[in-house]
Every structure is written in C-alpha cells, then in structure tokens.
C-alpha atoms as a PDB file:
ATOM      1  CA  UNK A   1     -36.656  56.831 -31.235  1.00  0.00           C
ATOM      2  CA  UNK A   2     -34.570  58.281 -34.023  1.00  0.00           C
ATOM      3  CA  UNK A   3     -32.351  61.336 -34.203  1.00  0.00           C
ATOM      4  CA  UNK A   4     -31.058  62.303 -37.632  1.00  0.00           C
ATOM      5  CA  UNK A   5     -28.194  64.784 -37.677  1.00  0.00           C
ATOM      6  CA  UNK A   6     -27.164  66.680 -40.791  1.00  0.00           C
ATOM      7  CA  UNK A   7     -25.404  69.817 -41.942  1.00  0.00           C
ATOM      8  CA  UNK A   8     -21.778  68.896 -41.468  1.00  0.00           C
ATOM      9  CA  UNK A   9     -19.176  69.429 -44.127  1.00  0.00           C
ATOM     10  CA  UNK A  10     -15.896  71.025 -45.054  1.00  0.00           C
ATOM     11  CA  UNK A  11     -15.481  74.735 -44.405  1.00  0.00           C
ATOM     12  CA  UNK A  12     -12.592  77.162 -44.242  1.00  0.00           C
ATOM     13  CA  UNK A  13     -11.536  78.687 -40.972  1.00  0.00           C
ATOM     14  CA  UNK A  14     -13.695  81.690 -40.204  1.00  0.00           C
ATOM     15  CA  UNK A  15     -16.663  80.216 -42.006  1.00  0.00           C
ATOM     16  CA  UNK A  16     -20.037  79.053 -40.737  1.00  0.00           C
ATOM     17  CA  UNK A  17     -22.150  75.912 -40.688  1.00  0.00           C
ATOM     18  CA  UNK A  18     -25.535  75.074 -39.255  1.00  0.00           C
ATOM     19  CA  UNK A  19     -26.118  71.597 -37.933  1.00  0.00           C
ATOM     20  CA  UNK A  20     -29.628  70.191 -37.724  1.00  0.00           C
ATOM     21  CA  UNK A  21     -31.051  67.255 -35.805  1.00  0.00           C
ATOM     22  CA  UNK A  22     -34.493  65.847 -36.561  1.00  0.00           C
ATOM     23  CA  UNK A  23     -36.122  63.906 -33.720  1.00  0.00           C
ATOM     24  CA  UNK A  24     -38.869  61.338 -34.026  1.00  0.00           C
ATOM     25  CA  UNK A  25     -40.408  58.866 -31.614  1.00  0.00           C
ATOM     26  CA  UNK A  26     -39.546  60.866 -28.494  1.00  0.00           C
ATOM     27  CA  UNK A  27     -41.354  63.580 -26.637  1.00  0.00           C
ATOM     28  CA  UNK A  28     -39.353  66.584 -27.689  1.00  0.00           C
ATOM     29  CA  UNK A  29     -40.983  69.428 -25.871  1.00  0.00           C
ATOM     30  CA  UNK A  30     -39.487  70.208 -22.468  1.00  0.00           C
ATOM     31  CA  UNK A  31     -36.700  67.676 -22.984  1.00  0.00           C
ATOM     32  CA  UNK A  32     -33.077  68.457 -22.339  1.00  0.00           C
ATOM     33  CA  UNK A  33     -31.026  68.238 -25.534  1.00  0.00           C
ATOM     34  CA  UNK A  34     -27.771  69.326 -27.022  1.00  0.00           C
ATOM     35  CA  UNK A  35     -24.667  68.620 -29.035  1.00  0.00           C
ATOM     36  CA  UNK A  36     -21.479  66.777 -28.214  1.00  0.00           C
ATOM     37  CA  UNK A  37     -18.425  66.451 -30.408  1.00  0.00           C
ATOM     38  CA  UNK A  38     -15.512  64.094 -30.639  1.00  0.00           C
ATOM     39  CA  UNK A  39     -12.311  64.960 -32.431  1.00  0.00           C
ATOM     40  CA  UNK A  40      -9.879  62.353 -33.662  1.00  0.00           C
ATOM     41  CA  UNK A  41      -8.078  60.871 -30.683  1.00  0.00           C
ATOM     42  CA  UNK A  42     -10.014  63.051 -28.266  1.00  0.00           C
ATOM     43  CA  UNK A  43     -12.707  62.433 -25.709  1.00  0.00           C
ATOM     44  CA  UNK A  44     -16.291  63.319 -26.476  1.00  0.00           C
ATOM     45  CA  UNK A  45     -17.099  66.761 -25.078  1.00  0.00           C
ATOM     46  CA  UNK A  46     -20.269  68.713 -24.545  1.00  0.00           C
ATOM     47  CA  UNK A  47     -20.478  71.631 -26.967  1.00  0.00           C
ATOM     48  CA  UNK A  48     -23.864  73.144 -26.185  1.00  0.00           C
ATOM     49  CA  UNK A  49     -27.036  72.194 -24.384  1.00  0.00           C
ATOM     50  CA  UNK A  50     -30.538  73.546 -24.048  1.00  0.00           C
ATOM     51  CA  UNK A  51     -32.738  72.660 -21.116  1.00  0.00           C
ATOM     52  CA  UNK A  52     -36.409  71.874 -21.175  1.00  0.00           C
ATOM     53  CA  UNK A  53     -37.123  75.384 -19.925  1.00  0.00           C
ATOM     54  CA  UNK A  54     -35.012  76.969 -22.643  1.00  0.00           C
ATOM     55  CA  UNK A  55     -31.850  77.711 -20.704  1.00  0.00           C
ATOM     56  CA  UNK A  56     -28.631  77.223 -22.642  1.00  0.00           C
ATOM     57  CA  UNK A  57     -25.030  76.543 -21.801  1.00  0.00           C
ATOM     58  CA  UNK A  58     -21.921  76.313 -23.906  1.00  0.00           C
ATOM     59  CA  UNK A  59     -18.416  74.997 -23.676  1.00  0.00           C
ATOM     60  CA  UNK A  60     -15.972  77.818 -23.042  1.00  0.00           C
ATOM     61  CA  UNK A  61     -14.255  77.057 -26.332  1.00  0.00           C
ATOM     62  CA  UNK A  62     -17.375  77.829 -28.384  1.00  0.00           C
ATOM     63  CA  UNK A  63     -19.144  80.423 -26.264  1.00  0.00           C
ATOM     64  CA  UNK A  64     -19.869  83.498 -28.361  1.00  0.00           C
ATOM     65  CA  UNK A  65     -19.365  81.625 -31.627  1.00  0.00           C
ATOM     66  CA  UNK A  66     -21.982  78.857 -31.487  1.00  0.00           C
ATOM     67  CA  UNK A  67     -25.707  79.150 -30.843  1.00  0.00           C
ATOM     68  CA  UNK A  68     -28.021  76.282 -29.955  1.00  0.00           C
ATOM     69  CA  UNK A  69     -31.734  76.469 -30.630  1.00  0.00           C
ATOM     70  CA  UNK A  70     -34.730  74.206 -30.971  1.00  0.00           C
ATOM     71  CA  UNK A  71     -38.078  74.146 -32.740  1.00  0.00           C
ATOM     72  CA  UNK A  72     -40.562  72.141 -30.707  1.00  0.00           C
ATOM     73  CA  UNK A  73     -43.186  72.113 -33.469  1.00  0.00           C
ATOM     74  CA  UNK A  74     -40.816  70.648 -36.064  1.00  0.00           C
ATOM     75  CA  UNK A  75     -38.906  68.628 -33.455  1.00  0.00           C
ATOM     76  CA  UNK A  76     -35.673  70.096 -34.705  1.00  0.00           C
ATOM     77  CA  UNK A  77     -32.495  70.935 -32.850  1.00  0.00           C
ATOM     78  CA  UNK A  78     -29.964  73.299 -34.380  1.00  0.00           C
ATOM     79  CA  UNK A  79     -26.393  74.377 -33.810  1.00  0.00           C
ATOM     80  CA  UNK A  80     -25.310  77.517 -35.598  1.00  0.00           C
ATOM     81  CA  UNK A  81     -21.522  77.590 -35.750  1.00  0.00           C
ATOM     82  CA  UNK A  82     -19.763  80.811 -36.717  1.00  0.00           C
ATOM     83  CA  UNK A  83     -16.115  81.836 -36.831  1.00  0.00           C
ATOM     84  CA  UNK A  84     -15.110  78.214 -37.119  1.00  0.00           C
ATOM     85  CA  UNK A  85     -11.598  77.194 -36.185  1.00  0.00           C
ATOM     86  CA  UNK A  86      -9.493  74.200 -37.105  1.00  0.00           C
ATOM     87  CA  UNK A  87      -9.899  72.895 -33.561  1.00  0.00           C
ATOM     88  CA  UNK A  88     -13.664  72.659 -34.111  1.00  0.00           C
ATOM     89  CA  UNK A  89     -13.020  69.753 -36.467  1.00  0.00           C
ATOM     90  CA  UNK A  90     -14.881  66.756 -35.050  1.00  0.00           C
ATOM     91  CA  UNK A  91     -17.859  64.491 -35.421  1.00  0.00           C
ATOM     92  CA  UNK A  92     -20.847  66.237 -33.892  1.00  0.00           C
ATOM     93  CA  UNK A  93     -23.589  64.253 -32.176  1.00  0.00           C
ATOM     94  CA  UNK A  94     -27.003  65.454 -31.120  1.00  0.00           C
ATOM     95  CA  UNK A  95     -28.803  63.987 -28.133  1.00  0.00           C
ATOM     96  CA  UNK A  96     -32.147  64.229 -26.410  1.00  0.00           C
ATOM     97  CA  UNK A  97     -32.517  63.359 -22.732  1.00  0.00           C
ATOM     98  CA  UNK A  98     -35.967  62.275 -21.621  1.00  0.00           C
ATOM     99  CA  UNK A  99     -37.263  60.088 -18.821  1.00  0.00           C
ATOM    100  CA  UNK A 100     -33.796  59.182 -17.597  1.00  0.00           C
ATOM    101  CA  UNK A 101     -32.672  57.970 -21.020  1.00  0.00           C
ATOM    102  CA  UNK A 102     -30.321  59.536 -23.556  1.00  0.00           C
ATOM    103  CA  UNK A 103     -31.020  59.214 -27.248  1.00  0.00           C
ATOM    104  CA  UNK A 104     -28.259  59.888 -29.785  1.00  0.00           C
ATOM    105  CA  UNK A 105     -28.004  60.812 -33.412  1.00  0.00           C
ATOM    106  CA  UNK A 106     -25.529  59.140 -35.742  1.00  0.00           C
ATOM    107  CA  UNK A 107     -23.072  62.027 -35.901  1.00  0.00           C
ATOM    108  CA  UNK A 108     -22.155  64.447 -38.634  1.00  0.00           C
ATOM    109  CA  UNK A 109     -18.569  65.301 -39.599  1.00  0.00           C
ATOM    110  CA  UNK A 110     -17.398  68.901 -39.442  1.00  0.00           C
ATOM    111  CA  UNK A 111     -13.997  69.635 -40.932  1.00  0.00           C
ATOM    112  CA  UNK A 112     -12.481  73.103 -40.722  1.00  0.00           C
ATOM    113  CA  UNK A 113      -9.481  73.778 -42.913  1.00  0.00           C
ATOM    114  CA  UNK A 114      -6.943  76.335 -41.767  1.00  0.00           C
END
C-alpha cells in the first residue's frame, strides 16, 4: 500500500493550494479517507474527511475554506484549500482507512506567509 501526497508549498495568506494524494495497493472505493495536519510543536489534527458513502466533515477552523474530494477511478484524494491563513501552516498527511487499518502518506509541507 502506498499513498503519495503532493501539492504543498509556500503561499501568501489569502492564497490557495490544492493537495493531492495518489493511492495504490489498497481498495480505494468506499473507503474512509481524509487529511490530517501537524504544525510545529502541535498535535496532529483532523482537517477533513470523506466517508465511503461520500459524506464529508471538516475541522471548524477550515470549514468553508477547504474542500475535500476524491476520484475513485484515478484513486486520488484532494484537498482544495482557499483563503489560507498563517495558522494553516503545517505538514499535511493523507490517509485511507480500510479493513480496520489506516494507511498514511508521507506528508507534504504547506507554509502560509502572513
């Protein structure tokens, strides 16, 4: 199983980024999946998740600014991040949950300059 996250970078406050996560070796369709982030010196927190049935949920801090989506054919998970703030700076990790196991990507750094 491999999850490859990409799309991070440096952006000014108010800007946008789209994170991508390519999954291989795991049944993607109908799996629960999402994005966590971990800022420097902070605990890892759930940013957004999408259930196997398509339901979504977001952390209060990103609701209305971030959008999670998936493409079951391409086995891709996305996180569209708009109106970025300095406090969104973190390493972002994608995960897929299937059969009682969690699979993680390697993380992609997002840095928002104020």
